[in-house]
PDB file of N, CA and C in Angstrom:
ATOM      1  N   UNK A   1     -28.654   2.534  25.691  1.00  0.00           N
ATOM      2  CA  UNK A   1     -27.450   3.327  25.534  1.00  0.00           C
ATOM      3  C   UNK A   1     -27.838   4.808  25.556  1.00  0.00           C
ATOM      4  N   UNK A   2     -27.140   5.580  26.316  1.00  0.00           N
ATOM      5  CA  UNK A   2     -27.501   6.987  26.479  1.00  0.00           C
ATOM      6  C   UNK A   2     -27.020   7.818  25.286  1.00  0.00           C
ATOM      7  N   UNK A   3     -27.562   9.011  25.208  1.00  0.00           N
ATOM      8  CA  UNK A   3     -27.183   9.949  24.154  1.00  0.00           C
ATOM      9  C   UNK A   3     -25.693  10.272  24.247  1.00  0.00           C
ATOM     10  N   UNK A   4     -25.215  10.426  25.465  1.00  0.00           N
ATOM     11  CA  UNK A   4     -23.795  10.755  25.687  1.00  0.00           C
ATOM     12  C   UNK A   4     -22.891   9.634  25.173  1.00  0.00           C
ATOM     13  N   UNK A   5     -23.266   8.399  25.452  1.00  0.00           N
ATOM     14  CA  UNK A   5     -22.471   7.255  24.983  1.00  0.00           C
ATOM     15  C   UNK A   5     -22.462   7.182  23.456  1.00  0.00           C
ATOM     16  N   UNK A   6     -23.613   7.472  22.852  1.00  0.00           N
ATOM     17  CA  UNK A   6     -23.685   7.478  21.384  1.00  0.00           C
ATOM     18  C   UNK A   6     -22.768   8.538  20.792  1.00  0.00           C
ATOM     19  N   UNK A   7     -22.776   9.725  21.396  1.00  0.00           N
ATOM     20  CA  UNK A   7     -21.914  10.808  20.906  1.00  0.00           C
ATOM     21  C   UNK A   7     -20.444  10.445  21.061  1.00  0.00           C
ATOM     22  N   UNK A   8     -20.090   9.850  22.210  1.00  0.00           N
ATOM     23  CA  UNK A   8     -18.696   9.452  22.431  1.00  0.00           C
ATOM     24  C   UNK A   8     -18.267   8.396  21.418  1.00  0.00           C
ATOM     25  N   UNK A   9     -19.151   7.446  21.167  1.00  0.00           N
ATOM     26  CA  UNK A   9     -18.831   6.381  20.209  1.00  0.00           C
ATOM     27  C   UNK A   9     -18.653   6.965  18.801  1.00  0.00           C
ATOM     28  N   UNK A  10     -19.526   7.877  18.398  1.00  0.00           N
ATOM     29  CA  UNK A  10     -19.428   8.503  17.079  1.00  0.00           C
ATOM     30  C   UNK A  10     -18.145   9.314  16.962  1.00  0.00           C
ATOM     31  N   UNK A  11     -17.825  10.056  18.015  1.00  0.00           N
ATOM     32  CA  UNK A  11     -16.598  10.856  18.006  1.00  0.00           C
ATOM     33  C   UNK A  11     -15.375   9.948  17.937  1.00  0.00           C
ATOM     34  N   UNK A  12     -15.405   8.854  18.668  1.00  0.00           N
ATOM     35  CA  UNK A  12     -14.304   7.899  18.673  1.00  0.00           C
ATOM     36  C   UNK A  12     -14.102   7.296  17.285  1.00  0.00           C
ATOM     37  N   UNK A  13     -15.191   6.939  16.614  1.00  0.00           N
ATOM     38  CA  UNK A  13     -15.102   6.364  15.269  1.00  0.00           C
ATOM     39  C   UNK A  13     -14.555   7.388  14.284  1.00  0.00           C
ATOM     40  N   UNK A  14     -15.004   8.643  14.417  1.00  0.00           N
ATOM     41  CA  UNK A  14     -14.528   9.704  13.528  1.00  0.00           C
ATOM     42  C   UNK A  14     -13.037   9.933  13.737  1.00  0.00           C
ATOM     43  N   UNK A  15     -12.603   9.954  14.983  1.00  0.00           N
ATOM     44  CA  UNK A  15     -11.183  10.134  15.290  1.00  0.00           C
ATOM     45  C   UNK A  15     -10.365   8.984  14.716  1.00  0.00           C
ATOM     46  N   UNK A  16     -10.883   7.770  14.844  1.00  0.00           N
ATOM     47  CA  UNK A  16     -10.172   6.591  14.329  1.00  0.00           C
ATOM     48  C   UNK A  16     -10.025   6.669  12.808  1.00  0.00           C
ATOM     49  N   UNK A  17     -11.078   7.073  12.110  1.00  0.00           N
ATOM     50  CA  UNK A  17     -11.003   7.206  10.645  1.00  0.00           C
ATOM     51  C   UNK A  17      -9.994   8.273  10.256  1.00  0.00           C
ATOM     52  N   UNK A  18      -9.955   9.377  10.992  1.00  0.00           N
ATOM     53  CA  UNK A  18      -9.011  10.449  10.702  1.00  0.00           C
ATOM     54  C   UNK A  18      -7.584   9.966  10.887  1.00  0.00           C
ATOM     55  N   UNK A  19      -7.330   9.248  11.973  1.00  0.00           N
ATOM     56  CA  UNK A  19      -5.983   8.727  12.236  1.00  0.00           C
ATOM     57  C   UNK A  19      -5.575   7.748  11.139  1.00  0.00           C
ATOM     58  N   UNK A  20      -6.488   6.876  10.715  1.00  0.00           N
ATOM     59  CA  UNK A  20      -6.182   5.925   9.644  1.00  0.00           C
ATOM     60  C   UNK A  20      -5.873   6.655   8.345  1.00  0.00           C
ATOM     61  N   UNK A  21      -6.616   7.712   8.065  1.00  0.00           N
ATOM     62  CA  UNK A  21      -6.390   8.487   6.851  1.00  0.00           C
ATOM     63  C   UNK A  21      -5.014   9.141   6.873  1.00  0.00           C
ATOM     64  N   UNK A  22      -4.658   9.730   8.001  1.00  0.00           N
ATOM     65  CA  UNK A  22      -3.348  10.380   8.137  1.00  0.00           C
ATOM     66  C   UNK A  22      -2.234   9.346   8.025  1.00  0.00           C
ATOM     67  N   UNK A  23      -2.414   8.192   8.662  1.00  0.00           N
ATOM     68  CA  UNK A  23      -1.396   7.140   8.608  1.00  0.00           C
ATOM     69  C   UNK A  23      -1.204   6.655   7.173  1.00  0.00           C
ATOM     70  N   UNK A  24      -2.300   6.492   6.445  1.00  0.00           N
ATOM     71  CA  UNK A  24      -2.203   6.072   5.048  1.00  0.00           C
ATOM     72  C   UNK A  24      -1.481   7.097   4.203  1.00  0.00           C
ATOM     73  N   UNK A  25      -1.776   8.378   4.424  1.00  0.00           N
ATOM     74  CA  UNK A  25      -1.109   9.441   3.680  1.00  0.00           C
ATOM     75  C   UNK A  25       0.385   9.456   3.973  1.00  0.00           C
ATOM     76  N   UNK A  26       0.749   9.311   5.256  1.00  0.00           N
ATOM     77  CA  UNK A  26       2.167   9.317   5.625  1.00  0.00           C
ATOM     78  C   UNK A  26       2.896   8.120   5.026  1.00  0.00           C
ATOM     79  N   UNK A  27       2.259   6.968   5.026  1.00  0.00           N
ATOM     80  CA  UNK A  27       2.875   5.778   4.446  1.00  0.00           C
ATOM     81  C   UNK A  27       3.089   5.970   2.950  1.00  0.00           C
ATOM     82  N   UNK A  28       2.088   6.528   2.273  1.00  0.00           N
ATOM     83  CA  UNK A  28       2.207   6.777   0.839  1.00  0.00           C
ATOM     84  C   UNK A  28       3.323   7.786   0.572  1.00  0.00           C
ATOM     85  N   UNK A  29       3.415   8.835   1.373  1.00  0.00           N
ATOM     86  CA  UNK A  29       4.465   9.838   1.217  1.00  0.00           C
ATOM     87  C   UNK A  29       5.837   9.218   1.425  1.00  0.00           C
ATOM     88  N   UNK A  30       5.933   8.324   2.407  1.00  0.00           N
ATOM     89  CA  UNK A  30       7.199   7.650   2.691  1.00  0.00           C
ATOM     90  C   UNK A  30       7.623   6.785   1.506  1.00  0.00           C
ATOM     91  N   UNK A  31       6.663   6.102   0.891  1.00  0.00           N
ATOM     92  CA  UNK A  31       6.983   5.264  -0.270  1.00  0.00           C
ATOM     93  C   UNK A  31       7.453   6.127  -1.433  1.00  0.00           C
ATOM     94  N   UNK A  32       6.796   7.261  -1.650  1.00  0.00           N
ATOM     95  CA  UNK A  32       7.190   8.167  -2.733  1.00  0.00           C
ATOM     96  C   UNK A  32       8.593   8.702  -2.476  1.00  0.00           C
ATOM     97  N   UNK A  33       8.874   9.074  -1.225  1.00  0.00           N
ATOM     98  CA  UNK A  33      10.201   9.583  -0.880  1.00  0.00           C
ATOM     99  C   UNK A  33      11.259   8.505  -1.081  1.00  0.00           C
ATOM    100  N   UNK A  34      10.924   7.267  -0.746  1.00  0.00           N
ATOM    101  CA  UNK A  34      11.861   6.155  -0.908  1.00  0.00           C
ATOM    102  C   UNK A  34      12.190   5.962  -2.381  1.00  0.00           C
ATOM    103  N   UNK A  35      11.178   6.003  -3.234  1.00  0.00           N
ATOM    104  CA  UNK A  35      11.405   5.852  -4.673  1.00  0.00           C
ATOM    105  C   UNK A  35      12.214   7.028  -5.198  1.00  0.00           C
ATOM    106  N   UNK A  36      11.941   8.228  -4.694  1.00  0.00           N
ATOM    107  CA  UNK A  36      12.667   9.412  -5.147  1.00  0.00           C
ATOM    108  C   UNK A  36      14.139   9.341  -4.768  1.00  0.00           C
ATOM    109  N   UNK A  37      14.451   8.722  -3.622  1.00  0.00           N
ATOM    110  CA  UNK A  37      15.840   8.617  -3.188  1.00  0.00           C
ATOM    111  C   UNK A  37      16.597   7.554  -3.969  1.00  0.00           C
ATOM    112  N   UNK A  38      15.883   6.562  -4.478  1.00  0.00           N
ATOM    113  CA  UNK A  38      16.545   5.518  -5.251  1.00  0.00           C
ATOM    114  C   UNK A  38      17.057   6.109  -6.549  1.00  0.00           C
ATOM    115  N   UNK A  39      18.184   5.597  -6.997  1.00  0.00           N
ATOM    116  CA  UNK A  39      18.691   6.040  -8.284  1.00  0.00           C
ATOM    117  C   UNK A  39      17.839   5.483  -9.404  1.00  0.00           C
ATOM    118  N   UNK A  40      17.967   6.080 -10.577  1.00  0.00           N
ATOM    119  CA  UNK A  40      17.197   5.619 -11.730  1.00  0.00           C
ATOM    120  C   UNK A  40      17.569   4.182 -12.077  1.00  0.00           C
ATOM    121  N   UNK A  41      18.836   3.843 -11.917  1.00  0.00           N
ATOM    122  CA  UNK A  41      19.287   2.480 -12.231  1.00  0.00           C
ATOM    123  C   UNK A  41      18.641   1.469 -11.287  1.00  0.00           C
ATOM    124  N   UNK A  42      18.620   1.799  -9.997  1.00  0.00           N
ATOM    125  CA  UNK A  42      17.999   0.903  -9.017  1.00  0.00           C
ATOM    126  C   UNK A  42      16.513   0.720  -9.316  1.00  0.00           C
ATOM    127  N   UNK A  43      15.859   1.811  -9.669  1.00  0.00           N
ATOM    128  CA  UNK A  43      14.434   1.741  -9.975  1.00  0.00           C
ATOM    129  C   UNK A  43      14.193   0.874 -11.209  1.00  0.00           C
ATOM    130  N   UNK A  44      15.040   1.043 -12.219  1.00  0.00           N
ATOM    131  CA  UNK A  44      14.895   0.263 -13.445  1.00  0.00           C
ATOM    132  C   UNK A  44      15.085  -1.225 -13.167  1.00  0.00           C
ATOM    133  N   UNK A  45      16.089  -1.563 -12.375  1.00  0.00           N
ATOM    134  CA  UNK A  45      16.334  -2.964 -12.026  1.00  0.00           C
ATOM    135  C   UNK A  45      15.132  -3.533 -11.276  1.00  0.00           C
ATOM    136  N   UNK A  46      14.627  -2.790 -10.298  1.00  0.00           N
ATOM    137  CA  UNK A  46      13.463  -3.242  -9.526  1.00  0.00           C
ATOM    138  C   UNK A  46      12.251  -3.439 -10.433  1.00  0.00           C
ATOM    139  N   UNK A  47      12.044  -2.492 -11.337  1.00  0.00           N
ATOM    140  CA  UNK A  47      10.912  -2.575 -12.257  1.00  0.00           C
ATOM    141  C   UNK A  47      11.026  -3.796 -13.167  1.00  0.00           C
ATOM    142  N   UNK A  48      12.232  -4.038 -13.697  1.00  0.00           N
ATOM    143  CA  UNK A  48      12.424  -5.176 -14.596  1.00  0.00           C
ATOM    144  C   UNK A  48      12.245  -6.507 -13.874  1.00  0.00           C
ATOM    145  N   UNK A  49      12.732  -6.591 -12.644  1.00  0.00           N
ATOM    146  CA  UNK A  49      12.556  -7.820 -11.858  1.00  0.00           C
ATOM    147  C   UNK A  49      11.068  -8.053 -11.591  1.00  0.00           C
ATOM    148  N   UNK A  50      10.354  -6.999 -11.185  1.00  0.00           N
ATOM    149  CA  UNK A  50       8.918  -7.135 -10.913  1.00  0.00           C
ATOM    150  C   UNK A  50       8.157  -7.528 -12.181  1.00  0.00           C
ATOM    151  N   UNK A  51       8.502  -6.903 -13.301  1.00  0.00           N
ATOM    152  CA  UNK A  51       7.833  -7.235 -14.566  1.00  0.00           C
ATOM    153  C   UNK A  51       8.130  -8.675 -14.966  1.00  0.00           C
ATOM    154  N   UNK A  52       9.367  -9.102 -14.776  1.00  0.00           N
ATOM    155  CA  UNK A  52       9.735 -10.483 -15.096  1.00  0.00           C
ATOM    156  C   UNK A  52       8.959 -11.483 -14.262  1.00  0.00           C
ATOM    157  N   UNK A  53       8.805 -11.190 -12.979  1.00  0.00           N
ATOM    158  CA  UNK A  53       8.035 -12.083 -12.109  1.00  0.00           C
ATOM    159  C   UNK A  53       6.560 -12.076 -12.494  1.00  0.00           C
ATOM    160  N   UNK A  54       6.051 -10.895 -12.819  1.00  0.00           N
ATOM    161  CA  UNK A  54       4.637 -10.755 -13.161  1.00  0.00           C
ATOM    162  C   UNK A  54       4.298 -11.528 -14.439  1.00  0.00           C
ATOM    163  N   UNK A  55       5.205 -11.473 -15.410  1.00  0.00           N
ATOM    164  CA  UNK A  55       4.970 -12.157 -16.685  1.00  0.00           C
ATOM    165  C   UNK A  55       5.431 -13.615 -16.618  1.00  0.00           C
ATOM    166  N   UNK A  56       6.560 -13.843 -15.965  1.00  0.00           N
ATOM    167  CA  UNK A  56       7.165 -15.170 -15.953  1.00  0.00           C
ATOM    168  C   UNK A  56       6.403 -16.203 -15.149  1.00  0.00           C
ATOM    169  N   UNK A  57       5.852 -15.801 -14.027  1.00  0.00           N
ATOM    170  CA  UNK A  57       5.169 -16.769 -13.153  1.00  0.00           C
ATOM    171  C   UNK A  57       3.970 -17.430 -13.845  1.00  0.00           C
ATOM    172  N   UNK A  58       3.032 -16.676 -14.420  1.00  0.00           N
ATOM    173  CA  UNK A  58       1.915 -17.340 -15.119  1.00  0.00           C
ATOM    174  C   UNK A  58       2.396 -18.163 -16.318  1.00  0.00           C
ATOM    175  N   UNK A  59       3.445 -17.675 -16.994  1.00  0.00           N
ATOM    176  CA  UNK A  59       3.973 -18.390 -18.153  1.00  0.00           C
ATOM    177  C   UNK A  59       4.515 -19.756 -17.749  1.00  0.00           C
ATOM    178  N   UNK A  60       5.296 -19.783 -16.682  1.00  0.00           N
ATOM    179  CA  UNK A  60       5.850 -21.051 -16.190  1.00  0.00           C
ATOM    180  C   UNK A  60       4.728 -21.980 -15.735  1.00  0.00           C
ATOM    181  N   UNK A  61       3.756 -21.452 -15.011  1.00  0.00           N
ATOM    182  CA  UNK A  61       2.632 -22.281 -14.567  1.00  0.00           C
ATOM    183  C   UNK A  61       1.847 -22.835 -15.753  1.00  0.00           C
ATOM    184  N   UNK A  62       1.683 -22.018 -16.780  1.00  0.00           N
ATOM    185  CA  UNK A  62       0.974 -22.469 -17.977  1.00  0.00           C
ATOM    186  C   UNK A  62       1.749 -23.581 -18.677  1.00  0.00           C
ATOM    187  N   UNK A  63       3.071 -23.426 -18.766  1.00  0.00           N
ATOM    188  CA  UNK A  63       3.895 -24.446 -19.418  1.00  0.00           C
ATOM    189  C   UNK A  63       3.898 -25.750 -18.631  1.00  0.00           C
ATOM    190  N   UNK A  64       3.925 -25.641 -17.307  1.00  0.00           N
ATOM    191  CA  UNK A  64       3.920 -26.846 -16.470  1.00  0.00           C
ATOM    192  C   UNK A  64       2.569 -27.553 -16.575  1.00  0.00           C
ATOM    193  N   UNK A  65       1.492 -26.776 -16.480  1.00  0.00           N
ATOM    194  CA  UNK A  65       0.148 -27.362 -16.496  1.00  0.00           C
ATOM    195  C   UNK A  65      -0.236 -27.836 -17.896  1.00  0.00           C
ATOM    196  N   UNK A  66       0.293 -27.167 -18.922  1.00  0.00           N
ATOM    197  CA  UNK A  66      -0.104 -27.493 -20.292  1.00  0.00           C
ATOM    198  C   UNK A  66       0.657 -28.647 -20.781  1.00  0.00           C
TER     199      UNK A  66
END
């Protein structure tokens, strides 16, 4: 493999990492904006449902298995 090919491959990998980093940042920003647009009531309902599932699922499995 030539020096030129190695440089191109390294540059390509660096560009790919940069694009992934930017995409991750944009996705995170979009999620934050989505939560900010939701009303406090909607957020509270979503949080309570998620907490109920998080706590309830292992509890039900424990009761069934026990």
